[in-house]
Amino acid sequence: MGLTMRLKTLAALALGAAILAGSAPAMAQSASTPSFFSFFPRPSNFGNGPVKGYSSIRRQVVPYTGKYKPGTIVVNTAERRLYLVQDNGTAVKYGIGVGRDGFRWGGVKTITRKAEWPGWTPPPQMLQRRPDLPRYMPGGIDNPLGARAMYLGSTLYRIHGSNEPETIGQAVSSGCFRMTNDDVTDLYDRVRVGTQVVVLN
């Protein structure tokens, strides 16, 4: 094979490799193409506790035979789970973070307001305990209220997202119920202002 022919062959091979490389991202995005993350959808630290930035508690649909009517939100503080009752004998079950000792409460409230990427004004009681907190924090990814908030009655309490998803399933808040941003967005889209919220302490 002459030098000219070899150069043409090498050029053709290089062009083919470039075309394949350019098409790789589109192929990787195909829903039918298996990937590493389809087998391991969430990072794991192999049983050494929660991974910072992630929650190991998955949202799921479960059978539900309780006394509350469809559309009701039921917060089970002891279980650290929130249920949205559905009309087919099931409920959507979410992991939540709850109030730490001395901050847990129970009762029946309604959602009086919904907000996307809400700003946060720490209440005076919290500022007394934590004078280092900002007086106001605009909404955004670093805001402790996360992507969505649902305000409960005239109280200071909310069901809201979190920028610390690894705390879901723990008792860490000042009485609010925190969820992952993905879960709180899912719940937010399913409920409306006026939805009844039953908090079982």
Protein backbone atom coordinates (compact mmCIF):
# COMPACT_ATOMS: atom_id res chain seq x y z
CA MET A 1 0.00 0.00 0.00
CA GLY A 2 1.46 3.40 -0.98
CA LEU A 3 1.95 6.35 1.35
CA THR A 4 -0.93 8.26 -0.23
CA MET A 5 -3.31 5.32 0.27
CA ARG A 6 -2.22 4.94 3.91
CA LEU A 7 -2.83 8.62 4.60
CA LYS A 8 -6.31 8.40 3.02
CA THR A 9 -7.12 5.35 5.16
CA LEU A 10 -5.96 7.07 8.35
CA ALA A 11 -7.97 10.18 7.49
CA ALA A 12 -11.09 8.09 6.92
CA LEU A 13 -10.61 6.32 10.25
CA ALA A 14 -10.12 9.65 12.07
CA LEU A 15 -13.25 11.08 10.46
CA GLY A 16 -15.27 8.02 11.49
CA ALA A 17 -14.04 8.27 15.10
CA ALA A 18 -14.96 11.96 15.22
CA ILE A 19 -18.48 11.26 13.94
CA LEU A 20 -18.96 8.51 16.54
CA ALA A 21 -17.65 10.74 19.32
CA GLY A 22 -19.98 13.54 18.28
CA SER A 23 -22.99 11.25 18.39
CA ALA A 24 -22.10 9.72 21.79
CA PRO A 25 -23.87 12.32 23.98
CA ALA A 26 -27.11 11.90 22.04
CA MET A 27 -26.87 8.13 22.39
CA ALA A 28 -26.16 8.44 26.12
CA GLN A 29 -29.32 10.48 26.60
CA SER A 30 -31.55 7.84 25.03
CA ALA A 31 -34.02 6.38 27.52
CA SER A 32 -33.43 2.91 26.09
CA THR A 33 -29.67 3.05 26.55
CA PRO A 34 -28.65 1.46 29.87
CA SER A 35 -26.20 3.40 32.00
CA PHE A 36 -24.24 2.98 35.19
CA PHE A 37 -26.75 5.19 37.01
CA SER A 38 -29.71 3.02 36.00
CA PHE A 39 -28.21 0.30 38.18
CA PHE A 40 -27.08 2.63 40.98
CA PRO A 41 -29.53 5.58 40.86
CA ARG A 42 -28.28 7.18 44.08
CA PRO A 43 -24.79 7.40 45.53
CA SER A 44 -24.03 4.99 48.34
CA ASN A 45 -21.48 5.01 51.12
CA PHE A 46 -21.95 1.27 51.69
CA GLY A 47 -23.87 1.40 54.96
CA ASN A 48 -21.84 4.05 56.75
CA GLY A 49 -24.78 6.44 57.24
CA PRO A 50 -26.50 9.07 55.09
CA VAL A 51 -24.60 10.46 52.14
CA LYS A 52 -24.29 14.24 52.37
CA GLY A 53 -26.46 15.84 49.73
CA TYR A 54 -28.74 12.83 49.25
CA SER A 55 -31.64 11.10 50.97
CA SER A 56 -31.89 7.31 51.03
CA ILE A 57 -35.67 7.45 51.63
CA ARG A 58 -37.60 6.90 48.43
CA ARG A 59 -41.04 8.25 47.58
CA GLN A 60 -43.49 5.39 46.98
CA VAL A 61 -47.17 4.56 46.58
CA VAL A 62 -48.43 2.31 49.40
CA PRO A 63 -51.77 0.76 50.43
CA TYR A 64 -53.68 3.05 52.78
CA THR A 65 -56.75 2.17 54.85
CA GLY A 66 -56.81 5.05 57.34
CA LYS A 67 -59.81 7.19 58.26
CA TYR A 68 -58.76 10.30 56.34
CA LYS A 69 -60.40 11.23 53.05
CA PRO A 70 -58.56 11.43 49.73
CA GLY A 71 -56.61 14.61 49.31
CA THR A 72 -55.65 14.81 53.00
CA ILE A 73 -52.03 15.11 54.04
CA VAL A 74 -51.23 12.97 57.09
CA VAL A 75 -47.91 13.65 58.86
CA ASN A 76 -46.76 10.80 61.08
CA THR A 77 -44.13 12.49 63.23
CA ALA A 78 -43.01 9.32 65.04
CA GLU A 79 -42.59 7.46 61.76
CA ARG A 80 -41.03 10.52 60.07
CA ARG A 81 -43.20 10.01 57.03
CA LEU A 82 -45.83 12.09 55.25
CA TYR A 83 -48.78 10.50 53.45
CA LEU A 84 -50.93 12.07 50.75
CA VAL A 85 -54.14 10.03 50.77
CA GLN A 86 -55.41 9.06 47.31
CA ASP A 87 -58.86 7.92 46.19
CA ASN A 88 -57.95 4.33 45.26
CA GLY A 89 -57.03 2.89 48.65
CA THR A 90 -53.45 4.09 48.39
CA ALA A 91 -51.30 6.98 49.55
CA VAL A 92 -48.13 8.58 48.30
CA LYS A 93 -45.58 8.12 51.07
CA TYR A 94 -42.70 10.57 51.49
CA GLY A 95 -39.76 10.73 53.88
CA ILE A 96 -39.62 13.89 56.00
CA GLY A 97 -37.48 15.58 58.60
CA VAL A 98 -39.39 16.56 61.75
CA GLY A 99 -38.99 18.79 64.79
CA ARG A 100 -36.31 17.89 67.28
CA ASP A 101 -37.11 17.31 70.98
CA GLY A 102 -39.15 20.19 72.36
CA PHE A 103 -40.30 21.35 68.91
CA ARG A 104 -42.68 18.60 67.84
CA TRP A 105 -46.40 19.31 67.71
CA GLY A 106 -49.70 17.84 66.56
CA GLY A 107 -53.06 19.04 65.31
CA VAL A 108 -55.09 19.78 62.21
CA LYS A 109 -54.19 22.66 59.91
CA THR A 110 -54.84 23.68 56.32
CA ILE A 111 -52.46 24.86 53.64
CA THR A 112 -53.03 28.62 53.50
CA ARG A 113 -50.29 29.53 51.05
CA LYS A 114 -47.99 27.91 48.51
CA ALA A 115 -44.72 29.38 47.26
CA GLU A 116 -42.05 28.41 44.75
CA TRP A 117 -38.43 29.08 45.77
CA PRO A 118 -39.63 31.08 48.79
CA GLY A 119 -37.59 33.66 50.63
CA TRP A 120 -36.95 33.03 54.31
CA THR A 121 -37.35 35.40 57.24
CA PRO A 122 -36.28 33.66 60.47
CA PRO A 123 -38.91 34.27 63.18
CA PRO A 124 -37.94 36.27 66.30
CA GLN A 125 -37.91 33.10 68.43
CA MET A 126 -35.31 31.55 66.14
CA LEU A 127 -33.23 34.72 66.03
CA GLN A 128 -33.10 34.69 69.83
CA ARG A 129 -31.57 31.21 69.69
CA ARG A 130 -29.43 31.94 66.64
CA PRO A 131 -28.55 35.65 66.44
CA ASP A 132 -26.02 34.83 63.72
CA LEU A 133 -28.78 34.04 61.20
CA PRO A 134 -29.54 36.52 58.42
CA ARG A 135 -32.66 38.66 58.89
CA TYR A 136 -33.80 37.66 55.41
CA MET A 137 -32.59 35.21 52.80
CA PRO A 138 -33.91 35.35 49.22
CA GLY A 139 -35.17 32.19 47.59
CA GLY A 140 -32.68 29.96 45.84
CA ILE A 141 -30.75 26.72 46.00
CA ASP A 142 -28.98 27.73 49.25
CA ASN A 143 -32.17 28.79 51.01
CA PRO A 144 -33.15 26.40 53.85
CA LEU A 145 -36.78 26.35 52.62
CA GLY A 146 -35.70 24.72 49.38
CA ALA A 147 -37.66 24.63 46.14
CA ARG A 148 -41.22 24.83 47.50
CA ALA A 149 -43.06 25.71 50.69
CA MET A 150 -46.63 25.08 51.88
CA TYR A 151 -47.62 27.25 54.84
CA LEU A 152 -49.77 25.70 57.57
CA GLY A 153 -52.59 27.87 58.90
CA SER A 154 -51.49 30.98 60.76
CA THR A 155 -48.55 29.18 62.35
CA LEU A 156 -44.85 29.64 61.64
CA TYR A 157 -44.71 26.04 60.42
CA ARG A 158 -44.37 24.86 56.85
CA ILE A 159 -43.92 21.77 54.75
CA HIS A 160 -40.90 22.77 52.71
CA GLY A 161 -37.91 21.60 50.71
CA SER A 162 -34.39 21.43 52.03
CA ASN A 163 -30.83 22.16 50.98
CA GLU A 164 -29.77 19.38 53.40
CA PRO A 165 -31.52 16.29 51.97
CA GLU A 166 -29.31 14.00 54.04
CA THR A 167 -31.32 15.09 57.12
CA ILE A 168 -34.58 13.58 55.81
CA GLY A 169 -35.78 10.95 58.28
CA GLN A 170 -34.23 12.77 61.23
CA ALA A 171 -35.55 15.05 64.00
CA VAL A 172 -33.66 18.25 63.28
CA SER A 173 -36.07 21.13 62.60
CA SER A 174 -37.75 23.78 64.74
CA GLY A 175 -41.18 22.30 64.01
CA CYS A 176 -41.39 22.46 60.23
CA PHE A 177 -41.53 19.36 58.05
CA ARG A 178 -38.71 19.22 55.53
CA MET A 179 -38.57 17.11 52.38
CA THR A 180 -36.15 16.69 49.53
CA ASN A 181 -36.62 19.30 46.83
CA ASP A 182 -37.74 16.59 44.42
CA ASP A 183 -40.37 15.27 46.84
CA VAL A 184 -41.67 18.67 47.95
CA THR A 185 -42.10 19.68 44.31
CA ASP A 186 -44.05 16.48 43.66
CA LEU A 187 -46.31 17.11 46.68
CA TYR A 188 -46.70 20.81 45.81
CA ASP A 189 -48.01 19.91 42.36
CA ARG A 190 -50.56 17.48 43.81
CA VAL A 191 -52.19 19.69 46.47
CA ARG A 192 -53.89 23.07 46.62
CA VAL A 193 -54.47 25.88 49.09
CA GLY A 194 -57.15 24.62 51.50
CA THR A 195 -55.77 21.05 51.69
CA GLN A 196 -56.19 19.62 55.18
CA VAL A 197 -53.00 18.60 57.00
CA VAL A 198 -53.28 16.22 59.96
CA VAL A 199 -50.17 16.12 62.14
CA LEU A 200 -49.94 13.04 64.36
CA ASN A 201 -47.42 13.55 67.14
